[in-house]
PDBML (XML) file of the C-alpha atoms, coordinates in Angstrom:
<?xml version="1.0" encoding="UTF-8" ?>
<PDBx:datablock datablockName="MODEL"
   xmlns:PDBx="http://pdbml.pdb.org/schema/pdbx-v50.xsd"
   xmlns:xsi="http://www.w3.org/2001/XMLSchema-instance"
   xsi:schemaLocation="http://pdbml.pdb.org/schema/pdbx-v50.xsd pdbx-v50.xsd">
   <PDBx:atom_siteCategory>
      <PDBx:atom_site id="1">
         <PDBx:B_iso_or_equiv>0.00</PDBx:B_iso_or_equiv>
         <PDBx:Cartn_x>125.912</PDBx:Cartn_x>
         <PDBx:Cartn_y>76.949</PDBx:Cartn_y>
         <PDBx:Cartn_z>228.705</PDBx:Cartn_z>
         <PDBx:auth_asym_id>A</PDBx:auth_asym_id>
         <PDBx:auth_atom_id>CA</PDBx:auth_atom_id>
         <PDBx:auth_comp_id>UNK</PDBx:auth_comp_id>
         <PDBx:auth_seq_id>1</PDBx:auth_seq_id>
         <PDBx:group_PDB>ATOM</PDBx:group_PDB>
         <PDBx:label_alt_id xsi:nil="true" />
         <PDBx:label_asym_id>A</PDBx:label_asym_id>
         <PDBx:label_atom_id>CA</PDBx:label_atom_id>
         <PDBx:label_comp_id>UNK</PDBx:label_comp_id>
         <PDBx:label_entity_id>1</PDBx:label_entity_id>
         <PDBx:label_seq_id>1</PDBx:label_seq_id>
         <PDBx:occupancy>1.00</PDBx:occupancy>
         <PDBx:pdbx_PDB_model_num>1</PDBx:pdbx_PDB_model_num>
         <PDBx:type_symbol>C</PDBx:type_symbol>
      </PDBx:atom_site>
      <PDBx:atom_site id="2">
         <PDBx:B_iso_or_equiv>0.00</PDBx:B_iso_or_equiv>
         <PDBx:Cartn_x>122.993</PDBx:Cartn_x>
         <PDBx:Cartn_y>79.282</PDBx:Cartn_y>
         <PDBx:Cartn_z>227.946</PDBx:Cartn_z>
         <PDBx:auth_asym_id>A</PDBx:auth_asym_id>
         <PDBx:auth_atom_id>CA</PDBx:auth_atom_id>
         <PDBx:auth_comp_id>UNK</PDBx:auth_comp_id>
         <PDBx:auth_seq_id>2</PDBx:auth_seq_id>
         <PDBx:group_PDB>ATOM</PDBx:group_PDB>
         <PDBx:label_alt_id xsi:nil="true" />
         <PDBx:label_asym_id>A</PDBx:label_asym_id>
         <PDBx:label_atom_id>CA</PDBx:label_atom_id>
         <PDBx:label_comp_id>UNK</PDBx:label_comp_id>
         <PDBx:label_entity_id>1</PDBx:label_entity_id>
         <PDBx:label_seq_id>2</PDBx:label_seq_id>
         <PDBx:occupancy>1.00</PDBx:occupancy>
         <PDBx:pdbx_PDB_model_num>1</PDBx:pdbx_PDB_model_num>
         <PDBx:type_symbol>C</PDBx:type_symbol>
      </PDBx:atom_site>
      <PDBx:atom_site id="3">
         <PDBx:B_iso_or_equiv>0.00</PDBx:B_iso_or_equiv>
         <PDBx:Cartn_x>120.528</PDBx:Cartn_x>
         <PDBx:Cartn_y>77.591</PDBx:Cartn_y>
         <PDBx:Cartn_z>230.355</PDBx:Cartn_z>
         <PDBx:auth_asym_id>A</PDBx:auth_asym_id>
         <PDBx:auth_atom_id>CA</PDBx:auth_atom_id>
         <PDBx:auth_comp_id>UNK</PDBx:auth_comp_id>
         <PDBx:auth_seq_id>3</PDBx:auth_seq_id>
         <PDBx:group_PDB>ATOM</PDBx:group_PDB>
         <PDBx:label_alt_id xsi:nil="true" />
         <PDBx:label_asym_id>A</PDBx:label_asym_id>
         <PDBx:label_atom_id>CA</PDBx:label_atom_id>
         <PDBx:label_comp_id>UNK</PDBx:label_comp_id>
         <PDBx:label_entity_id>1</PDBx:label_entity_id>
         <PDBx:label_seq_id>3</PDBx:label_seq_id>
         <PDBx:occupancy>1.00</PDBx:occupancy>
         <PDBx:pdbx_PDB_model_num>1</PDBx:pdbx_PDB_model_num>
         <PDBx:type_symbol>C</PDBx:type_symbol>
      </PDBx:atom_site>
      <PDBx:atom_site id="4">
         <PDBx:B_iso_or_equiv>0.00</PDBx:B_iso_or_equiv>
         <PDBx:Cartn_x>122.889</PDBx:Cartn_x>
         <PDBx:Cartn_y>78.200</PDBx:Cartn_y>
         <PDBx:Cartn_z>233.283</PDBx:Cartn_z>
         <PDBx:auth_asym_id>A</PDBx:auth_asym_id>
         <PDBx:auth_atom_id>CA</PDBx:auth_atom_id>
         <PDBx:auth_comp_id>UNK</PDBx:auth_comp_id>
         <PDBx:auth_seq_id>4</PDBx:auth_seq_id>
         <PDBx:group_PDB>ATOM</PDBx:group_PDB>
         <PDBx:label_alt_id xsi:nil="true" />
         <PDBx:label_asym_id>A</PDBx:label_asym_id>
         <PDBx:label_atom_id>CA</PDBx:label_atom_id>
         <PDBx:label_comp_id>UNK</PDBx:label_comp_id>
         <PDBx:label_entity_id>1</PDBx:label_entity_id>
         <PDBx:label_seq_id>4</PDBx:label_seq_id>
         <PDBx:occupancy>1.00</PDBx:occupancy>
         <PDBx:pdbx_PDB_model_num>1</PDBx:pdbx_PDB_model_num>
         <PDBx:type_symbol>C</PDBx:type_symbol>
      </PDBx:atom_site>
      <PDBx:atom_site id="5">
         <PDBx:B_iso_or_equiv>0.00</PDBx:B_iso_or_equiv>
         <PDBx:Cartn_x>123.373</PDBx:Cartn_x>
         <PDBx:Cartn_y>81.957</PDBx:Cartn_y>
         <PDBx:Cartn_z>232.855</PDBx:Cartn_z>
         <PDBx:auth_asym_id>A</PDBx:auth_asym_id>
         <PDBx:auth_atom_id>CA</PDBx:auth_atom_id>
         <PDBx:auth_comp_id>UNK</PDBx:auth_comp_id>
         <PDBx:auth_seq_id>5</PDBx:auth_seq_id>
         <PDBx:group_PDB>ATOM</PDBx:group_PDB>
         <PDBx:label_alt_id xsi:nil="true" />
         <PDBx:label_asym_id>A</PDBx:label_asym_id>
         <PDBx:label_atom_id>CA</PDBx:label_atom_id>
         <PDBx:label_comp_id>UNK</PDBx:label_comp_id>
         <PDBx:label_entity_id>1</PDBx:label_entity_id>
         <PDBx:label_seq_id>5</PDBx:label_seq_id>
         <PDBx:occupancy>1.00</PDBx:occupancy>
         <PDBx:pdbx_PDB_model_num>1</PDBx:pdbx_PDB_model_num>
         <PDBx:type_symbol>C</PDBx:type_symbol>
      </PDBx:atom_site>
      <PDBx:atom_site id="6">
         <PDBx:B_iso_or_equiv>0.00</PDBx:B_iso_or_equiv>
         <PDBx:Cartn_x>121.657</PDBx:Cartn_x>
         <PDBx:Cartn_y>83.714</PDBx:Cartn_y>
         <PDBx:Cartn_z>235.773</PDBx:Cartn_z>
         <PDBx:auth_asym_id>A</PDBx:auth_asym_id>
         <PDBx:auth_atom_id>CA</PDBx:auth_atom_id>
         <PDBx:auth_comp_id>UNK</PDBx:auth_comp_id>
         <PDBx:auth_seq_id>6</PDBx:auth_seq_id>
         <PDBx:group_PDB>ATOM</PDBx:group_PDB>
         <PDBx:label_alt_id xsi:nil="true" />
         <PDBx:label_asym_id>A</PDBx:label_asym_id>
         <PDBx:label_atom_id>CA</PDBx:label_atom_id>
         <PDBx:label_comp_id>UNK</PDBx:label_comp_id>
         <PDBx:label_entity_id>1</PDBx:label_entity_id>
         <PDBx:label_seq_id>6</PDBx:label_seq_id>
         <PDBx:occupancy>1.00</PDBx:occupancy>
         <PDBx:pdbx_PDB_model_num>1</PDBx:pdbx_PDB_model_num>
         <PDBx:type_symbol>C</PDBx:type_symbol>
      </PDBx:atom_site>
      <PDBx:atom_site id="7">
         <PDBx:B_iso_or_equiv>0.00</PDBx:B_iso_or_equiv>
         <PDBx:Cartn_x>118.683</PDBx:Cartn_x>
         <PDBx:Cartn_y>86.006</PDBx:Cartn_y>
         <PDBx:Cartn_z>235.517</PDBx:Cartn_z>
         <PDBx:auth_asym_id>A</PDBx:auth_asym_id>
         <PDBx:auth_atom_id>CA</PDBx:auth_atom_id>
         <PDBx:auth_comp_id>UNK</PDBx:auth_comp_id>
         <PDBx:auth_seq_id>7</PDBx:auth_seq_id>
         <PDBx:group_PDB>ATOM</PDBx:group_PDB>
         <PDBx:label_alt_id xsi:nil="true" />
         <PDBx:label_asym_id>A</PDBx:label_asym_id>
         <PDBx:label_atom_id>CA</PDBx:label_atom_id>
         <PDBx:label_comp_id>UNK</PDBx:label_comp_id>
         <PDBx:label_entity_id>1</PDBx:label_entity_id>
         <PDBx:label_seq_id>7</PDBx:label_seq_id>
         <PDBx:occupancy>1.00</PDBx:occupancy>
         <PDBx:pdbx_PDB_model_num>1</PDBx:pdbx_PDB_model_num>
         <PDBx:type_symbol>C</PDBx:type_symbol>
      </PDBx:atom_site>
      <PDBx:atom_site id="8">
         <PDBx:B_iso_or_equiv>0.00</PDBx:B_iso_or_equiv>
         <PDBx:Cartn_x>118.935</PDBx:Cartn_x>
         <PDBx:Cartn_y>89.514</PDBx:Cartn_y>
         <PDBx:Cartn_z>236.921</PDBx:Cartn_z>
         <PDBx:auth_asym_id>A</PDBx:auth_asym_id>
         <PDBx:auth_atom_id>CA</PDBx:auth_atom_id>
         <PDBx:auth_comp_id>UNK</PDBx:auth_comp_id>
         <PDBx:auth_seq_id>8</PDBx:auth_seq_id>
         <PDBx:group_PDB>ATOM</PDBx:group_PDB>
         <PDBx:label_alt_id xsi:nil="true" />
         <PDBx:label_asym_id>A</PDBx:label_asym_id>
         <PDBx:label_atom_id>CA</PDBx:label_atom_id>
         <PDBx:label_comp_id>UNK</PDBx:label_comp_id>
         <PDBx:label_entity_id>1</PDBx:label_entity_id>
         <PDBx:label_seq_id>8</PDBx:label_seq_id>
         <PDBx:occupancy>1.00</PDBx:occupancy>
         <PDBx:pdbx_PDB_model_num>1</PDBx:pdbx_PDB_model_num>
         <PDBx:type_symbol>C</PDBx:type_symbol>
      </PDBx:atom_site>
      <PDBx:atom_site id="9">
         <PDBx:B_iso_or_equiv>0.00</PDBx:B_iso_or_equiv>
         <PDBx:Cartn_x>116.875</PDBx:Cartn_x>
         <PDBx:Cartn_y>88.529</PDBx:Cartn_y>
         <PDBx:Cartn_z>239.958</PDBx:Cartn_z>
         <PDBx:auth_asym_id>A</PDBx:auth_asym_id>
         <PDBx:auth_atom_id>CA</PDBx:auth_atom_id>
         <PDBx:auth_comp_id>UNK</PDBx:auth_comp_id>
         <PDBx:auth_seq_id>9</PDBx:auth_seq_id>
         <PDBx:group_PDB>ATOM</PDBx:group_PDB>
         <PDBx:label_alt_id xsi:nil="true" />
         <PDBx:label_asym_id>A</PDBx:label_asym_id>
         <PDBx:label_atom_id>CA</PDBx:label_atom_id>
         <PDBx:label_comp_id>UNK</PDBx:label_comp_id>
         <PDBx:label_entity_id>1</PDBx:label_entity_id>
         <PDBx:label_seq_id>9</PDBx:label_seq_id>
         <PDBx:occupancy>1.00</PDBx:occupancy>
         <PDBx:pdbx_PDB_model_num>1</PDBx:pdbx_PDB_model_num>
         <PDBx:type_symbol>C</PDBx:type_symbol>
      </PDBx:atom_site>
      <PDBx:atom_site id="10">
         <PDBx:B_iso_or_equiv>0.00</PDBx:B_iso_or_equiv>
         <PDBx:Cartn_x>119.144</PDBx:Cartn_x>
         <PDBx:Cartn_y>85.556</PDBx:Cartn_y>
         <PDBx:Cartn_z>240.573</PDBx:Cartn_z>
         <PDBx:auth_asym_id>A</PDBx:auth_asym_id>
         <PDBx:auth_atom_id>CA</PDBx:auth_atom_id>
         <PDBx:auth_comp_id>UNK</PDBx:auth_comp_id>
         <PDBx:auth_seq_id>10</PDBx:auth_seq_id>
         <PDBx:group_PDB>ATOM</PDBx:group_PDB>
         <PDBx:label_alt_id xsi:nil="true" />
         <PDBx:label_asym_id>A</PDBx:label_asym_id>
         <PDBx:label_atom_id>CA</PDBx:label_atom_id>
         <PDBx:label_comp_id>UNK</PDBx:label_comp_id>
         <PDBx:label_entity_id>1</PDBx:label_entity_id>
         <PDBx:label_seq_id>10</PDBx:label_seq_id>
         <PDBx:occupancy>1.00</PDBx:occupancy>
         <PDBx:pdbx_PDB_model_num>1</PDBx:pdbx_PDB_model_num>
         <PDBx:type_symbol>C</PDBx:type_symbol>
      </PDBx:atom_site>
      <PDBx:atom_site id="11">
         <PDBx:B_iso_or_equiv>0.00</PDBx:B_iso_or_equiv>
         <PDBx:Cartn_x>122.336</PDBx:Cartn_x>
         <PDBx:Cartn_y>87.559</PDBx:Cartn_y>
         <PDBx:Cartn_z>240.116</PDBx:Cartn_z>
         <PDBx:auth_asym_id>A</PDBx:auth_asym_id>
         <PDBx:auth_atom_id>CA</PDBx:auth_atom_id>
         <PDBx:auth_comp_id>UNK</PDBx:auth_comp_id>
         <PDBx:auth_seq_id>11</PDBx:auth_seq_id>
         <PDBx:group_PDB>ATOM</PDBx:group_PDB>
         <PDBx:label_alt_id xsi:nil="true" />
         <PDBx:label_asym_id>A</PDBx:label_asym_id>
         <PDBx:label_atom_id>CA</PDBx:label_atom_id>
         <PDBx:label_comp_id>UNK</PDBx:label_comp_id>
         <PDBx:label_entity_id>1</PDBx:label_entity_id>
         <PDBx:label_seq_id>11</PDBx:label_seq_id>
         <PDBx:occupancy>1.00</PDBx:occupancy>
         <PDBx:pdbx_PDB_model_num>1</PDBx:pdbx_PDB_model_num>
         <PDBx:type_symbol>C</PDBx:type_symbol>
      </PDBx:atom_site>
      <PDBx:atom_site id="12">
         <PDBx:B_iso_or_equiv>0.00</PDBx:B_iso_or_equiv>
         <PDBx:Cartn_x>121.054</PDBx:Cartn_x>
         <PDBx:Cartn_y>90.297</PDBx:Cartn_y>
         <PDBx:Cartn_z>242.431</PDBx:Cartn_z>
         <PDBx:auth_asym_id>A</PDBx:auth_asym_id>
         <PDBx:auth_atom_id>CA</PDBx:auth_atom_id>
         <PDBx:auth_comp_id>UNK</PDBx:auth_comp_id>
         <PDBx:auth_seq_id>12</PDBx:auth_seq_id>
         <PDBx:group_PDB>ATOM</PDBx:group_PDB>
         <PDBx:label_alt_id xsi:nil="true" />
         <PDBx:label_asym_id>A</PDBx:label_asym_id>
         <PDBx:label_atom_id>CA</PDBx:label_atom_id>
         <PDBx:label_comp_id>UNK</PDBx:label_comp_id>
         <PDBx:label_entity_id>1</PDBx:label_entity_id>
         <PDBx:label_seq_id>12</PDBx:label_seq_id>
         <PDBx:occupancy>1.00</PDBx:occupancy>
         <PDBx:pdbx_PDB_model_num>1</PDBx:pdbx_PDB_model_num>
         <PDBx:type_symbol>C</PDBx:type_symbol>
      </PDBx:atom_site>
      <PDBx:atom_site id="13">
         <PDBx:B_iso_or_equiv>0.00</PDBx:B_iso_or_equiv>
         <PDBx:Cartn_x>120.257</PDBx:Cartn_x>
         <PDBx:Cartn_y>87.732</PDBx:Cartn_y>
         <PDBx:Cartn_z>245.119</PDBx:Cartn_z>
         <PDBx:auth_asym_id>A</PDBx:auth_asym_id>
         <PDBx:auth_atom_id>CA</PDBx:auth_atom_id>
         <PDBx:auth_comp_id>UNK</PDBx:auth_comp_id>
         <PDBx:auth_seq_id>13</PDBx:auth_seq_id>
         <PDBx:group_PDB>ATOM</PDBx:group_PDB>
         <PDBx:label_alt_id xsi:nil="true" />
         <PDBx:label_asym_id>A</PDBx:label_asym_id>
         <PDBx:label_atom_id>CA</PDBx:label_atom_id>
         <PDBx:label_comp_id>UNK</PDBx:label_comp_id>
         <PDBx:label_entity_id>1</PDBx:label_entity_id>
         <PDBx:label_seq_id>13</PDBx:label_seq_id>
         <PDBx:occupancy>1.00</PDBx:occupancy>
         <PDBx:pdbx_PDB_model_num>1</PDBx:pdbx_PDB_model_num>
         <PDBx:type_symbol>C</PDBx:type_symbol>
      </PDBx:atom_site>
      <PDBx:atom_site id="14">
         <PDBx:B_iso_or_equiv>0.00</PDBx:B_iso_or_equiv>
         <PDBx:Cartn_x>123.758</PDBx:Cartn_x>
         <PDBx:Cartn_y>86.279</PDBx:Cartn_y>
         <PDBx:Cartn_z>244.861</PDBx:Cartn_z>
         <PDBx:auth_asym_id>A</PDBx:auth_asym_id>
         <PDBx:auth_atom_id>CA</PDBx:auth_atom_id>
         <PDBx:auth_comp_id>UNK</PDBx:auth_comp_id>
         <PDBx:auth_seq_id>14</PDBx:auth_seq_id>
         <PDBx:group_PDB>ATOM</PDBx:group_PDB>
         <PDBx:label_alt_id xsi:nil="true" />
         <PDBx:label_asym_id>A</PDBx:label_asym_id>
         <PDBx:label_atom_id>CA</PDBx:label_atom_id>
         <PDBx:label_comp_id>UNK</PDBx:label_comp_id>
         <PDBx:label_entity_id>1</PDBx:label_entity_id>
         <PDBx:label_seq_id>14</PDBx:label_seq_id>
         <PDBx:occupancy>1.00</PDBx:occupancy>
         <PDBx:pdbx_PDB_model_num>1</PDBx:pdbx_PDB_model_num>
         <PDBx:type_symbol>C</PDBx:type_symbol>
      </PDBx:atom_site>
      <PDBx:atom_site id="15">
         <PDBx:B_iso_or_equiv>0.00</PDBx:B_iso_or_equiv>
         <PDBx:Cartn_x>125.429</PDBx:Cartn_x>
         <PDBx:Cartn_y>89.674</PDBx:Cartn_y>
         <PDBx:Cartn_z>245.016</PDBx:Cartn_z>
         <PDBx:auth_asym_id>A</PDBx:auth_asym_id>
         <PDBx:auth_atom_id>CA</PDBx:auth_atom_id>
         <PDBx:auth_comp_id>UNK</PDBx:auth_comp_id>
         <PDBx:auth_seq_id>15</PDBx:auth_seq_id>
         <PDBx:group_PDB>ATOM</PDBx:group_PDB>
         <PDBx:label_alt_id xsi:nil="true" />
         <PDBx:label_asym_id>A</PDBx:label_asym_id>
         <PDBx:label_atom_id>CA</PDBx:label_atom_id>
         <PDBx:label_comp_id>UNK</PDBx:label_comp_id>
         <PDBx:label_entity_id>1</PDBx:label_entity_id>
         <PDBx:label_seq_id>15</PDBx:label_seq_id>
         <PDBx:occupancy>1.00</PDBx:occupancy>
         <PDBx:pdbx_PDB_model_num>1</PDBx:pdbx_PDB_model_num>
         <PDBx:type_symbol>C</PDBx:type_symbol>
      </PDBx:atom_site>
      <PDBx:atom_site id="16">
         <PDBx:B_iso_or_equiv>0.00</PDBx:B_iso_or_equiv>
         <PDBx:Cartn_x>123.354</PDBx:Cartn_x>
         <PDBx:Cartn_y>90.645</PDBx:Cartn_y>
         <PDBx:Cartn_z>248.065</PDBx:Cartn_z>
         <PDBx:auth_asym_id>A</PDBx:auth_asym_id>
         <PDBx:auth_atom_id>CA</PDBx:auth_atom_id>
         <PDBx:auth_comp_id>UNK</PDBx:auth_comp_id>
         <PDBx:auth_seq_id>16</PDBx:auth_seq_id>
         <PDBx:group_PDB>ATOM</PDBx:group_PDB>
         <PDBx:label_alt_id xsi:nil="true" />
         <PDBx:label_asym_id>A</PDBx:label_asym_id>
         <PDBx:label_atom_id>CA</PDBx:label_atom_id>
         <PDBx:label_comp_id>UNK</PDBx:label_comp_id>
         <PDBx:label_entity_id>1</PDBx:label_entity_id>
         <PDBx:label_seq_id>16</PDBx:label_seq_id>
         <PDBx:occupancy>1.00</PDBx:occupancy>
         <PDBx:pdbx_PDB_model_num>1</PDBx:pdbx_PDB_model_num>
         <PDBx:type_symbol>C</PDBx:type_symbol>
      </PDBx:atom_site>
      <PDBx:atom_site id="17">
         <PDBx:B_iso_or_equiv>0.00</PDBx:B_iso_or_equiv>
         <PDBx:Cartn_x>123.524</PDBx:Cartn_x>
         <PDBx:Cartn_y>87.365</PDBx:Cartn_y>
         <PDBx:Cartn_z>249.977</PDBx:Cartn_z>
         <PDBx:auth_asym_id>A</PDBx:auth_asym_id>
         <PDBx:auth_atom_id>CA</PDBx:auth_atom_id>
         <PDBx:auth_comp_id>UNK</PDBx:auth_comp_id>
         <PDBx:auth_seq_id>17</PDBx:auth_seq_id>
         <PDBx:group_PDB>ATOM</PDBx:group_PDB>
         <PDBx:label_alt_id xsi:nil="true" />
         <PDBx:label_asym_id>A</PDBx:label_asym_id>
         <PDBx:label_atom_id>CA</PDBx:label_atom_id>
         <PDBx:label_comp_id>UNK</PDBx:label_comp_id>
         <PDBx:label_entity_id>1</PDBx:label_entity_id>
         <PDBx:label_seq_id>17</PDBx:label_seq_id>
         <PDBx:occupancy>1.00</PDBx:occupancy>
         <PDBx:pdbx_PDB_model_num>1</PDBx:pdbx_PDB_model_num>
         <PDBx:type_symbol>C</PDBx:type_symbol>
      </PDBx:atom_site>
      <PDBx:atom_site id="18">
         <PDBx:B_iso_or_equiv>0.00</PDBx:B_iso_or_equiv>
         <PDBx:Cartn_x>126.451</PDBx:Cartn_x>
         <PDBx:Cartn_y>85.374</PDBx:Cartn_y>
         <PDBx:Cartn_z>248.601</PDBx:Cartn_z>
         <PDBx:auth_asym_id>A</PDBx:auth_asym_id>
         <PDBx:auth_atom_id>CA</PDBx:auth_atom_id>
         <PDBx:auth_comp_id>UNK</PDBx:auth_comp_id>
         <PDBx:auth_seq_id>18</PDBx:auth_seq_id>
         <PDBx:group_PDB>ATOM</PDBx:group_PDB>
         <PDBx:label_alt_id xsi:nil="true" />
         <PDBx:label_asym_id>A</PDBx:label_asym_id>
         <PDBx:label_atom_id>CA</PDBx:label_atom_id>
         <PDBx:label_comp_id>UNK</PDBx:label_comp_id>
         <PDBx:label_entity_id>1</PDBx:label_entity_id>
         <PDBx:label_seq_id>18</PDBx:label_seq_id>
         <PDBx:occupancy>1.00</PDBx:occupancy>
         <PDBx:pdbx_PDB_model_num>1</PDBx:pdbx_PDB_model_num>
         <PDBx:type_symbol>C</PDBx:type_symbol>
      </PDBx:atom_site>
      <PDBx:atom_site id="19">
         <PDBx:B_iso_or_equiv>0.00</PDBx:B_iso_or_equiv>
         <PDBx:Cartn_x>126.290</PDBx:Cartn_x>
         <PDBx:Cartn_y>81.619</PDBx:Cartn_y>
         <PDBx:Cartn_z>248.985</PDBx:Cartn_z>
         <PDBx:auth_asym_id>A</PDBx:auth_asym_id>
         <PDBx:auth_atom_id>CA</PDBx:auth_atom_id>
         <PDBx:auth_comp_id>UNK</PDBx:auth_comp_id>
         <PDBx:auth_seq_id>19</PDBx:auth_seq_id>
         <PDBx:group_PDB>ATOM</PDBx:group_PDB>
         <PDBx:label_alt_id xsi:nil="true" />
         <PDBx:label_asym_id>A</PDBx:label_asym_id>
         <PDBx:label_atom_id>CA</PDBx:label_atom_id>
         <PDBx:label_comp_id>UNK</PDBx:label_comp_id>
         <PDBx:label_entity_id>1</PDBx:label_entity_id>
         <PDBx:label_seq_id>19</PDBx:label_seq_id>
         <PDBx:occupancy>1.00</PDBx:occupancy>
         <PDBx:pdbx_PDB_model_num>1</PDBx:pdbx_PDB_model_num>
         <PDBx:type_symbol>C</PDBx:type_symbol>
      </PDBx:atom_site>
      <PDBx:atom_site id="20">
         <PDBx:B_iso_or_equiv>0.00</PDBx:B_iso_or_equiv>
         <PDBx:Cartn_x>127.402</PDBx:Cartn_x>
         <PDBx:Cartn_y>79.122</PDBx:Cartn_y>
         <PDBx:Cartn_z>251.601</PDBx:Cartn_z>
         <PDBx:auth_asym_id>A</PDBx:auth_asym_id>
         <PDBx:auth_atom_id>CA</PDBx:auth_atom_id>
         <PDBx:auth_comp_id>UNK</PDBx:auth_comp_id>
         <PDBx:auth_seq_id>20</PDBx:auth_seq_id>
         <PDBx:group_PDB>ATOM</PDBx:group_PDB>
         <PDBx:label_alt_id xsi:nil="true" />
         <PDBx:label_asym_id>A</PDBx:label_asym_id>
         <PDBx:label_atom_id>CA</PDBx:label_atom_id>
         <PDBx:label_comp_id>UNK</PDBx:label_comp_id>
         <PDBx:label_entity_id>1</PDBx:label_entity_id>
         <PDBx:label_seq_id>20</PDBx:label_seq_id>
         <PDBx:occupancy>1.00</PDBx:occupancy>
         <PDBx:pdbx_PDB_model_num>1</PDBx:pdbx_PDB_model_num>
         <PDBx:type_symbol>C</PDBx:type_symbol>
      </PDBx:atom_site>
      <PDBx:atom_site id="21">
         <PDBx:B_iso_or_equiv>0.00</PDBx:B_iso_or_equiv>
         <PDBx:Cartn_x>128.285</PDBx:Cartn_x>
         <PDBx:Cartn_y>76.737</PDBx:Cartn_y>
         <PDBx:Cartn_z>248.740</PDBx:Cartn_z>
         <PDBx:auth_asym_id>A</PDBx:auth_asym_id>
         <PDBx:auth_atom_id>CA</PDBx:auth_atom_id>
         <PDBx:auth_comp_id>UNK</PDBx:auth_comp_id>
         <PDBx:auth_seq_id>21</PDBx:auth_seq_id>
         <PDBx:group_PDB>ATOM</PDBx:group_PDB>
         <PDBx:label_alt_id xsi:nil="true" />
         <PDBx:label_asym_id>A</PDBx:label_asym_id>
         <PDBx:label_atom_id>CA</PDBx:label_atom_id>
         <PDBx:label_comp_id>UNK</PDBx:label_comp_id>
         <PDBx:label_entity_id>1</PDBx:label_entity_id>
         <PDBx:label_seq_id>21</PDBx:label_seq_id>
         <PDBx:occupancy>1.00</PDBx:occupancy>
         <PDBx:pdbx_PDB_model_num>1</PDBx:pdbx_PDB_model_num>
         <PDBx:type_symbol>C</PDBx:type_symbol>
      </PDBx:atom_site>
      <PDBx:atom_site id="22">
         <PDBx:B_iso_or_equiv>0.00</PDBx:B_iso_or_equiv>
         <PDBx:Cartn_x>131.430</PDBx:Cartn_x>
         <PDBx:Cartn_y>76.844</PDBx:Cartn_y>
         <PDBx:Cartn_z>246.638</PDBx:Cartn_z>
         <PDBx:auth_asym_id>A</PDBx:auth_asym_id>
         <PDBx:auth_atom_id>CA</PDBx:auth_atom_id>
         <PDBx:auth_comp_id>UNK</PDBx:auth_comp_id>
         <PDBx:auth_seq_id>22</PDBx:auth_seq_id>
         <PDBx:group_PDB>ATOM</PDBx:group_PDB>
         <PDBx:label_alt_id xsi:nil="true" />
         <PDBx:label_asym_id>A</PDBx:label_asym_id>
         <PDBx:label_atom_id>CA</PDBx:label_atom_id>
         <PDBx:label_comp_id>UNK</PDBx:label_comp_id>
         <PDBx:label_entity_id>1</PDBx:label_entity_id>
         <PDBx:label_seq_id>22</PDBx:label_seq_id>
         <PDBx:occupancy>1.00</PDBx:occupancy>
         <PDBx:pdbx_PDB_model_num>1</PDBx:pdbx_PDB_model_num>
         <PDBx:type_symbol>C</PDBx:type_symbol>
      </PDBx:atom_site>
      <PDBx:atom_site id="23">
         <PDBx:B_iso_or_equiv>0.00</PDBx:B_iso_or_equiv>
         <PDBx:Cartn_x>129.478</PDBx:Cartn_x>
         <PDBx:Cartn_y>74.772</PDBx:Cartn_y>
         <PDBx:Cartn_z>244.120</PDBx:Cartn_z>
         <PDBx:auth_asym_id>A</PDBx:auth_asym_id>
         <PDBx:auth_atom_id>CA</PDBx:auth_atom_id>
         <PDBx:auth_comp_id>UNK</PDBx:auth_comp_id>
         <PDBx:auth_seq_id>23</PDBx:auth_seq_id>
         <PDBx:group_PDB>ATOM</PDBx:group_PDB>
         <PDBx:label_alt_id xsi:nil="true" />
         <PDBx:label_asym_id>A</PDBx:label_asym_id>
         <PDBx:label_atom_id>CA</PDBx:label_atom_id>
         <PDBx:label_comp_id>UNK</PDBx:label_comp_id>
         <PDBx:label_entity_id>1</PDBx:label_entity_id>
         <PDBx:label_seq_id>23</PDBx:label_seq_id>
         <PDBx:occupancy>1.00</PDBx:occupancy>
         <PDBx:pdbx_PDB_model_num>1</PDBx:pdbx_PDB_model_num>
         <PDBx:type_symbol>C</PDBx:type_symbol>
      </PDBx:atom_site>
      <PDBx:atom_site id="24">
         <PDBx:B_iso_or_equiv>0.00</PDBx:B_iso_or_equiv>
         <PDBx:Cartn_x>126.634</PDBx:Cartn_x>
         <PDBx:Cartn_y>77.176</PDBx:Cartn_y>
         <PDBx:Cartn_z>243.303</PDBx:Cartn_z>
         <PDBx:auth_asym_id>A</PDBx:auth_asym_id>
         <PDBx:auth_atom_id>CA</PDBx:auth_atom_id>
         <PDBx:auth_comp_id>UNK</PDBx:auth_comp_id>
         <PDBx:auth_seq_id>24</PDBx:auth_seq_id>
         <PDBx:group_PDB>ATOM</PDBx:group_PDB>
         <PDBx:label_alt_id xsi:nil="true" />
         <PDBx:label_asym_id>A</PDBx:label_asym_id>
         <PDBx:label_atom_id>CA</PDBx:label_atom_id>
         <PDBx:label_comp_id>UNK</PDBx:label_comp_id>
         <PDBx:label_entity_id>1</PDBx:label_entity_id>
         <PDBx:label_seq_id>24</PDBx:label_seq_id>
         <PDBx:occupancy>1.00</PDBx:occupancy>
         <PDBx:pdbx_PDB_model_num>1</PDBx:pdbx_PDB_model_num>
         <PDBx:type_symbol>C</PDBx:type_symbol>
      </PDBx:atom_site>
      <PDBx:atom_site id="25">
         <PDBx:B_iso_or_equiv>0.00</PDBx:B_iso_or_equiv>
         <PDBx:Cartn_x>124.616</PDBx:Cartn_x>
         <PDBx:Cartn_y>74.378</PDBx:Cartn_y>
         <PDBx:Cartn_z>241.692</PDBx:Cartn_z>
         <PDBx:auth_asym_id>A</PDBx:auth_asym_id>
         <PDBx:auth_atom_id>CA</PDBx:auth_atom_id>
         <PDBx:auth_comp_id>UNK</PDBx:auth_comp_id>
         <PDBx:auth_seq_id>25</PDBx:auth_seq_id>
         <PDBx:group_PDB>ATOM</PDBx:group_PDB>
         <PDBx:label_alt_id xsi:nil="true" />
         <PDBx:label_asym_id>A</PDBx:label_asym_id>
         <PDBx:label_atom_id>CA</PDBx:label_atom_id>
         <PDBx:label_comp_id>UNK</PDBx:label_comp_id>
         <PDBx:label_entity_id>1</PDBx:label_entity_id>
         <PDBx:label_seq_id>25</PDBx:label_seq_id>
         <PDBx:occupancy>1.00</PDBx:occupancy>
         <PDBx:pdbx_PDB_model_num>1</PDBx:pdbx_PDB_model_num>
         <PDBx:type_symbol>C</PDBx:type_symbol>
      </PDBx:atom_site>
   </PDBx:atom_siteCategory>
</PDBx:datablock>
């Protein structure tokens, strides 16, 4: 739960670049 919540830097990267993976992990 808590350990998996993104940081702002991580969230910003995802919003800017997306991900090629449907499973973000």
